[in-house]
Amino acid sequence: KDGILRQLNALSHMSLVSYFVGMLTDSRSFLSYTRHEYFRRVLCNFFGDILENGEYPYDIEFVGKIVRNISYDNAIKFFEK
C-alpha cells in the first residue's frame, strides 16, 4: 500500500496522475486479479481522501473518469500506439 501511495503522490505532484497506466503485473497469474483489485481500492481511497480534504473540487464524475482512465483506459491507449 505504501508503495502505491508513494507512486500516486509522486505522479500527482507532477500533474501526471491522470495519465498513469496503472500497475504492472503478470496477467497469467490468477493472483494478479486480487492485486489489481487491491490497487483499485487504494486508488479510490487516494482520490476520496483528496476530495474529502478539499484538495480538489468535489466533482465525482471528473474524478471517476480519472480513476477509470488509470484503471483501464490509459493502458488500452498506451498499447494501441
Protein backbone atom coordinates (compact mmCIF):
# COMPACT_ATOMS: atom_id res chain seq x y z
CA LYS A 1 0.00 0.00 0.00
CA ASP A 2 2.77 2.43 0.91
CA GLY A 3 4.49 1.96 -2.44
CA ILE A 4 1.26 2.51 -4.36
CA LEU A 5 0.55 5.69 -2.41
CA ARG A 6 4.10 6.98 -2.91
CA GLN A 7 3.73 6.43 -6.66
CA LEU A 8 0.34 8.15 -6.78
CA ASN A 9 1.62 11.08 -4.72
CA ALA A 10 4.70 11.50 -6.90
CA LEU A 11 2.62 11.45 -10.07
CA SER A 12 0.01 13.82 -8.67
CA HIS A 13 2.69 16.33 -7.62
CA MET A 14 3.88 16.40 -11.23
CA SER A 15 0.30 16.60 -12.59
CA LEU A 16 0.75 13.27 -14.36
CA VAL A 17 -1.52 11.03 -12.30
CA SER A 18 -4.36 11.17 -14.85
CA TYR A 19 -2.00 9.63 -17.45
CA PHE A 20 -0.83 6.77 -15.19
CA VAL A 21 -1.31 3.36 -16.82
CA GLY A 22 -1.74 1.52 -13.53
CA MET A 23 0.32 -1.24 -12.02
CA LEU A 24 2.44 -3.78 -13.81
CA THR A 25 1.81 -7.44 -13.09
CA ASP A 26 1.94 -10.87 -14.65
CA SER A 27 -1.52 -11.29 -16.15
CA ARG A 28 -1.03 -15.04 -16.47
CA SER A 29 -1.19 -15.42 -12.71
CA PHE A 30 -4.58 -15.85 -11.05
CA LEU A 31 -3.30 -13.79 -8.09
CA SER A 32 -2.96 -10.79 -10.40
CA TYR A 33 -6.72 -10.27 -10.16
CA THR A 34 -6.51 -9.69 -6.41
CA ARG A 35 -3.51 -7.37 -6.84
CA HIS A 36 -5.42 -5.26 -9.33
CA GLU A 37 -8.46 -5.19 -7.05
CA TYR A 38 -6.27 -4.03 -4.16
CA PHE A 39 -4.66 -1.38 -6.38
CA ARG A 40 -8.08 -0.06 -7.40
CA ARG A 41 -9.20 0.13 -3.77
CA VAL A 42 -6.07 2.08 -2.78
CA LEU A 43 -6.55 4.31 -5.84
CA CYS A 44 -10.17 5.09 -4.94
CA ASN A 45 -9.22 5.81 -1.32
CA PHE A 46 -6.42 8.09 -2.54
CA PHE A 47 -8.83 10.20 -4.57
CA GLY A 48 -11.53 10.00 -1.88
CA ASP A 49 -9.11 11.45 0.67
CA ILE A 50 -8.15 14.25 -1.72
CA LEU A 51 -11.81 15.14 -2.21
CA GLU A 52 -12.67 14.93 1.49
CA ASN A 53 -9.71 17.16 2.39
CA GLY A 54 -10.86 19.80 -0.09
CA GLU A 55 -7.65 19.49 -2.10
CA TYR A 56 -9.62 19.08 -5.31
CA PRO A 57 -13.05 20.30 -6.42
CA TYR A 58 -15.76 17.84 -5.43
CA ASP A 59 -16.59 16.65 -8.95
CA ILE A 60 -17.35 12.94 -8.69
CA GLU A 61 -17.85 12.46 -12.43
CA PHE A 62 -14.50 14.02 -13.32
CA VAL A 63 -12.57 12.15 -10.63
CA GLY A 64 -14.42 8.97 -11.59
CA LYS A 65 -13.17 9.42 -15.14
CA ILE A 66 -9.59 9.79 -13.87
CA VAL A 67 -9.95 6.59 -11.84
CA ARG A 68 -11.39 4.76 -14.86
CA ASN A 69 -8.55 6.04 -17.03
CA ILE A 70 -5.93 4.82 -14.57
CA SER A 71 -7.70 1.51 -14.01
CA TYR A 72 -8.37 0.69 -17.66
CA ASP A 73 -8.47 3.27 -20.45
CA ASN A 74 -4.89 4.59 -20.20
CA ALA A 75 -3.41 1.10 -20.62
CA ILE A 76 -5.59 0.48 -23.68
CA LYS A 77 -4.46 3.77 -25.22
CA PHE A 78 -0.82 3.06 -24.35
CA PHE A 79 -0.77 -0.32 -26.09
CA GLU A 80 -2.66 0.94 -29.15
CA LYS A 81 0.30 3.16 -30.05
